[in-house]
Amino acid sequence: MAKRKVTSAGQPAAEPNRRSLRLQKPEDGATSPAAELSKEVKIDMSTAISEPPVKKSRTGRQQSRPRAAGRSSEEPKANGSNPAVTSSSVTDKKDDGERNYWLMKAEPESRLENGVDVKFSIDDLKAKTEPEPWDGIRAYAARNNLRSMKKGDLAFFYHSNCKEPGIVGTMEIVQEHSPDLSAHDPKAPYYDPKSKPSDPKWSVVHVKFRSKFAVPIGLKELKEMGAPGKPLENMQMLKQSRLSVSKVSASEWEYIMGLVEQKAS
């Protein structure tokens, strides 16, 4: 049996005063460090900023909100500041040598498709306050043209399937292609059961209004300029009349814009 250490006087030595391993209970009125930390990290959820509601696209289907171009809102700048994204960062202009041109058709007169009115005119686009998803494309050639578009490209707005078809204005591509969510909605006008969210077949780009022509360039005039030897003889829209999204060469764009200026003067 182990013996206790004794002093020279023969009395047992006092045991050393050991510190308790248990957390000490705070005195009345005092606050523990854990409680202080809890107060510091507590967030008042009543002051949280709510996300504005997502608006519907031109075919009535809700689309995911387009992201602003440039730096993400969650990514801080090098100097630590994070200012709001300006409109100039959404519509950065391209040099003429880097920009491509297109023609995109929409129907300005009411027509029901799967119980939904698909009417969409140049005035409807002009009234939009946010980039508009150009959805409902269900032809592979037109879809491939959508997927070839780059941010900053320009496109003619063409009124189709109406009394006076023709080019009525211009718009800009402000967001490149992403999956067309309307294809997965059974209530959407152009629902496609073969397109799955895990493997989407169709795409959408987002556009922004640029201009409305004082005098449209009608289909009859375009066909006249598309005759052999004329400036528009190779224009894709005239060669593939059923194509809803078609390419426009730089020379074709310049020629048509020249006609627009002549008619406006």
Protein backbone atom coordinates (compact mmCIF):
# COMPACT_ATOMS: atom_id res chain seq x y z
CA MET A 1 0.00 0.00 0.00
CA ALA A 2 1.38 3.40 -1.03
CA LYS A 3 2.26 5.71 1.74
CA ARG A 4 1.31 9.37 2.05
CA LYS A 5 4.15 11.83 2.13
CA VAL A 6 4.68 13.31 5.59
CA THR A 7 6.42 16.46 6.74
CA SER A 8 9.37 16.58 9.01
CA ALA A 9 6.94 17.26 11.87
CA GLY A 10 5.23 13.97 11.20
CA GLN A 11 2.01 15.50 9.82
CA PRO A 12 0.57 14.42 6.45
CA ALA A 13 1.38 16.87 3.63
CA ALA A 14 -1.53 18.79 2.13
CA GLU A 15 -2.55 17.70 -1.40
CA PRO A 16 -1.89 20.25 -4.18
CA ASN A 17 -4.86 22.40 -5.18
CA ARG A 18 -5.90 21.03 -8.61
CA ARG A 19 -7.96 23.10 -11.09
CA SER A 20 -11.31 21.56 -11.96
CA LEU A 21 -11.66 20.39 -15.55
CA ARG A 22 -15.35 21.27 -15.57
CA LEU A 23 -16.36 24.69 -16.96
CA GLN A 24 -16.88 27.14 -14.18
CA LYS A 25 -20.41 28.41 -13.68
CA PRO A 26 -20.52 32.18 -14.30
CA GLU A 27 -21.34 34.40 -11.43
CA ASP A 28 -24.76 36.02 -11.17
CA GLY A 29 -25.09 38.75 -13.79
CA ALA A 30 -22.08 37.56 -15.81
CA THR A 31 -22.31 36.23 -19.36
CA SER A 32 -20.39 33.20 -20.54
CA PRO A 33 -18.07 33.50 -23.58
CA ALA A 34 -20.26 31.02 -25.50
CA ALA A 35 -23.32 33.18 -24.93
CA GLU A 36 -21.43 36.29 -26.08
CA LEU A 37 -20.39 34.49 -29.29
CA SER A 38 -23.98 33.40 -29.91
CA LYS A 39 -25.13 37.01 -29.66
CA GLU A 40 -22.48 38.15 -32.14
CA VAL A 41 -23.41 35.66 -34.86
CA LYS A 42 -27.19 35.87 -34.48
CA ILE A 43 -28.86 37.22 -37.68
CA ASP A 44 -32.11 39.13 -37.79
CA MET A 45 -33.93 37.37 -40.63
CA SER A 46 -36.58 40.08 -40.72
CA THR A 47 -34.04 42.36 -42.39
CA ALA A 48 -33.03 39.84 -45.08
CA ILE A 49 -33.57 41.04 -48.64
CA SER A 50 -36.02 38.88 -50.54
CA GLU A 51 -35.46 37.94 -54.19
CA PRO A 52 -37.89 39.67 -56.57
CA PRO A 53 -40.35 37.35 -58.33
CA VAL A 54 -39.28 35.77 -61.61
CA LYS A 55 -41.16 37.17 -64.59
CA LYS A 56 -42.69 35.06 -67.32
CA SER A 57 -41.19 34.72 -70.77
CA ARG A 58 -42.83 35.69 -74.07
CA THR A 59 -44.56 32.28 -74.28
CA GLY A 60 -45.94 32.42 -70.75
CA ARG A 61 -43.42 30.01 -69.18
CA GLN A 62 -41.35 31.05 -66.17
CA GLN A 63 -37.68 31.17 -67.04
CA SER A 64 -34.74 31.29 -64.67
CA ARG A 65 -33.61 34.85 -64.05
CA PRO A 66 -30.69 35.76 -66.35
CA ARG A 67 -27.41 36.46 -64.60
CA ALA A 68 -25.84 39.82 -65.11
CA ALA A 69 -22.74 39.66 -67.26
CA GLY A 70 -19.31 40.19 -65.78
CA ARG A 71 -18.33 39.60 -62.15
CA SER A 72 -20.67 37.56 -59.98
CA SER A 73 -22.45 39.43 -57.19
CA GLU A 74 -20.92 36.94 -54.74
CA GLU A 75 -17.37 37.51 -55.94
CA PRO A 76 -15.71 40.56 -54.33
CA LYS A 77 -13.53 42.87 -56.37
CA ALA A 78 -9.82 43.14 -55.71
CA ASN A 79 -10.23 46.33 -53.68
CA GLY A 80 -12.90 44.74 -51.49
CA SER A 81 -15.80 46.73 -52.93
CA ASN A 82 -18.74 45.14 -54.73
CA PRO A 83 -20.78 47.79 -56.57
CA ALA A 84 -24.03 46.97 -58.33
CA VAL A 85 -23.78 45.75 -61.91
CA THR A 86 -24.49 48.59 -64.35
CA SER A 87 -26.36 48.38 -67.62
CA SER A 88 -23.13 48.94 -69.55
CA SER A 89 -21.75 45.66 -68.19
CA VAL A 90 -24.80 43.82 -69.55
CA THR A 91 -24.55 45.26 -73.07
CA ASP A 92 -20.84 45.59 -73.74
CA LYS A 93 -20.40 46.52 -77.39
CA LYS A 94 -18.32 44.44 -79.77
CA ASP A 95 -16.06 45.66 -82.51
CA ASP A 96 -17.67 45.27 -85.93
CA GLY A 97 -15.18 42.56 -86.85
CA GLU A 98 -16.24 40.41 -83.87
CA ARG A 99 -20.01 40.87 -84.12
CA ASN A 100 -22.37 38.49 -85.91
CA TYR A 101 -25.84 39.31 -87.21
CA TRP A 102 -29.11 37.40 -87.19
CA LEU A 103 -32.81 37.54 -88.06
CA MET A 104 -35.38 36.27 -85.56
CA LYS A 105 -39.10 35.84 -86.24
CA ALA A 106 -42.06 36.39 -83.91
CA GLU A 107 -45.81 36.64 -84.43
CA PRO A 108 -47.32 40.08 -83.72
CA GLU A 109 -50.94 38.89 -84.03
CA SER A 110 -52.82 36.71 -81.56
CA ARG A 111 -52.69 32.96 -82.12
CA LEU A 112 -53.36 30.22 -79.59
CA GLU A 113 -50.91 27.36 -79.23
CA ASN A 114 -51.79 24.73 -76.61
CA GLY A 115 -54.28 27.24 -75.20
CA VAL A 116 -51.67 30.02 -74.84
CA ASP A 117 -51.54 33.22 -76.91
CA VAL A 118 -48.08 33.36 -78.53
CA LYS A 119 -48.44 36.97 -79.77
CA PHE A 120 -45.20 38.94 -79.40
CA SER A 121 -44.35 42.11 -81.34
CA ILE A 122 -41.53 44.63 -81.46
CA ASP A 123 -43.63 46.86 -79.18
CA ASP A 124 -43.91 44.04 -76.64
CA LEU A 125 -40.13 43.72 -76.61
CA LYS A 126 -39.69 47.48 -76.29
CA ALA A 127 -41.93 47.49 -73.20
CA LYS A 128 -39.76 44.91 -71.41
CA THR A 129 -37.62 46.23 -68.57
CA GLU A 130 -35.40 43.14 -68.36
CA PRO A 131 -33.71 40.89 -70.95
CA GLU A 132 -36.34 38.77 -72.70
CA PRO A 133 -35.91 34.99 -73.16
CA TRP A 134 -36.37 34.05 -76.82
CA ASP A 135 -37.93 30.65 -76.21
CA GLY A 136 -40.18 28.25 -78.10
CA ILE A 137 -37.68 27.37 -80.86
CA ARG A 138 -38.39 23.77 -81.91
CA ALA A 139 -36.39 23.33 -85.13
CA TYR A 140 -32.82 22.05 -85.00
CA ALA A 141 -31.43 24.46 -87.62
CA ALA A 142 -32.91 27.44 -85.77
CA ARG A 143 -31.73 26.06 -82.42
CA ASN A 144 -28.20 25.64 -83.74
CA ASN A 145 -28.23 29.28 -84.82
CA LEU A 146 -29.32 30.27 -81.31
CA ARG A 147 -26.44 28.29 -79.84
CA SER A 148 -24.00 30.08 -82.16
CA MET A 149 -25.01 33.53 -80.90
CA LYS A 150 -22.60 35.50 -78.75
CA LYS A 151 -23.22 38.27 -76.28
CA GLY A 152 -23.22 41.58 -78.18
CA ASP A 153 -24.49 40.16 -81.48
CA LEU A 154 -27.34 42.05 -83.17
CA ALA A 155 -30.52 40.67 -84.73
CA PHE A 156 -33.36 41.92 -86.89
CA PHE A 157 -36.82 41.57 -85.34
CA TYR A 158 -39.08 40.09 -88.03
CA HIS A 159 -42.88 40.11 -87.84
CA SER A 160 -44.07 36.76 -89.19
CA ASN A 161 -47.39 35.03 -89.92
CA CYS A 162 -49.27 38.34 -90.17
CA LYS A 163 -50.86 40.63 -92.76
CA GLU A 164 -47.67 42.60 -93.41
CA PRO A 165 -44.62 40.44 -92.63
CA GLY A 166 -41.22 42.08 -92.61
CA ILE A 167 -38.29 43.46 -90.62
CA VAL A 168 -39.53 46.00 -88.07
CA GLY A 169 -36.57 46.70 -85.78
CA THR A 170 -33.40 45.46 -84.11
CA MET A 171 -32.40 43.84 -80.83
CA GLU A 172 -29.21 42.76 -79.08
CA ILE A 173 -28.17 39.40 -77.68
CA VAL A 174 -27.37 40.10 -74.02
CA GLN A 175 -27.12 36.52 -72.70
CA GLU A 176 -25.94 33.46 -74.58
CA HIS A 177 -27.83 30.19 -74.84
CA SER A 178 -29.16 28.19 -71.90
CA PRO A 179 -31.77 25.37 -71.67
CA ASP A 180 -35.30 26.32 -72.73
CA LEU A 181 -37.35 25.48 -69.63
CA SER A 182 -40.65 25.93 -71.47
CA ALA A 183 -40.04 22.65 -73.32
CA HIS A 184 -40.55 20.76 -70.03
CA ASP A 185 -43.85 22.41 -69.09
CA PRO A 186 -46.97 20.53 -70.31
CA LYS A 187 -48.94 23.79 -70.15
CA ALA A 188 -46.46 25.74 -72.29
CA PRO A 189 -47.36 26.42 -75.94
CA TYR A 190 -44.36 24.50 -77.30
CA TYR A 191 -44.11 21.65 -74.79
CA ASP A 192 -41.87 18.80 -75.93
CA PRO A 193 -42.19 15.57 -73.89
CA LYS A 194 -38.99 14.23 -75.49
CA SER A 195 -36.91 17.01 -73.94
CA LYS A 196 -35.88 16.19 -70.38
CA PRO A 197 -34.38 18.51 -67.73
CA SER A 198 -31.47 16.07 -67.43
CA ASP A 199 -30.93 16.17 -71.21
CA PRO A 200 -32.52 19.35 -72.67
CA LYS A 201 -32.96 19.42 -76.45
CA TRP A 202 -33.82 23.09 -76.89
CA SER A 203 -32.14 26.37 -76.06
CA VAL A 204 -33.01 29.98 -75.35
CA VAL A 205 -31.09 33.26 -75.58
CA HIS A 206 -31.96 36.56 -73.92
CA VAL A 207 -32.42 39.69 -76.02
CA LYS A 208 -32.86 43.41 -75.45
CA PHE A 209 -34.66 46.00 -77.58
CA ARG A 210 -32.43 48.28 -79.67
CA SER A 211 -34.62 50.08 -82.22
CA LYS A 212 -37.95 50.17 -84.04
CA PHE A 213 -37.97 51.22 -87.70
CA ALA A 214 -40.09 54.19 -88.74
CA VAL A 215 -40.93 52.26 -91.92
CA PRO A 216 -40.60 48.43 -91.92
CA ILE A 217 -38.79 46.54 -94.67
CA GLY A 218 -41.53 44.28 -96.03
CA LEU A 219 -41.14 40.71 -97.24
CA LYS A 220 -42.03 41.71 -100.81
CA GLU A 221 -39.17 44.20 -100.91
CA LEU A 222 -36.78 41.70 -99.36
CA LYS A 223 -37.66 39.14 -102.04
CA GLU A 224 -37.04 41.71 -104.78
CA MET A 225 -33.59 42.41 -103.34
CA GLY A 226 -33.02 38.64 -103.10
CA ALA A 227 -33.27 38.02 -106.82
CA PRO A 228 -30.14 36.74 -108.63
CA GLY A 229 -27.49 39.44 -108.82
CA LYS A 230 -29.18 41.52 -106.09
CA PRO A 231 -27.59 42.37 -102.69
CA LEU A 232 -29.69 39.83 -100.75
CA GLU A 233 -29.53 36.90 -103.18
CA ASN A 234 -27.76 34.68 -100.61
CA MET A 235 -29.75 35.72 -97.55
CA GLN A 236 -30.57 32.62 -95.50
CA MET A 237 -34.07 33.76 -94.54
CA LEU A 238 -35.06 34.06 -98.22
CA LYS A 239 -33.58 30.68 -99.12
CA GLN A 240 -35.07 28.90 -96.07
CA SER A 241 -38.32 30.79 -95.60
CA ARG A 242 -39.62 28.56 -92.79
CA LEU A 243 -36.51 29.06 -90.65
CA SER A 244 -37.41 31.18 -87.61
CA VAL A 245 -33.81 32.06 -86.66
CA SER A 246 -31.41 32.70 -89.52
CA LYS A 247 -27.98 34.14 -90.21
CA VAL A 248 -27.42 37.58 -91.73
CA SER A 249 -24.07 38.52 -93.25
CA ALA A 250 -22.37 41.82 -92.41
CA SER A 251 -22.95 43.09 -95.96
CA GLU A 252 -26.65 42.12 -95.82
CA TRP A 253 -27.04 43.88 -92.48
CA GLU A 254 -25.37 47.03 -93.80
CA TYR A 255 -27.51 47.04 -96.94
CA ILE A 256 -30.80 46.62 -95.05
CA MET A 257 -29.86 49.29 -92.52
CA GLY A 258 -29.14 51.58 -95.47
CA LEU A 259 -32.68 50.96 -96.75
CA VAL A 260 -34.04 51.78 -93.30
CA GLU A 261 -32.23 55.13 -93.28
CA GLN A 262 -33.49 55.96 -96.76
CA LYS A 263 -37.10 55.25 -95.79
CA ALA A 264 -36.80 57.30 -92.60
CA SER A 265 -35.41 60.39 -94.40
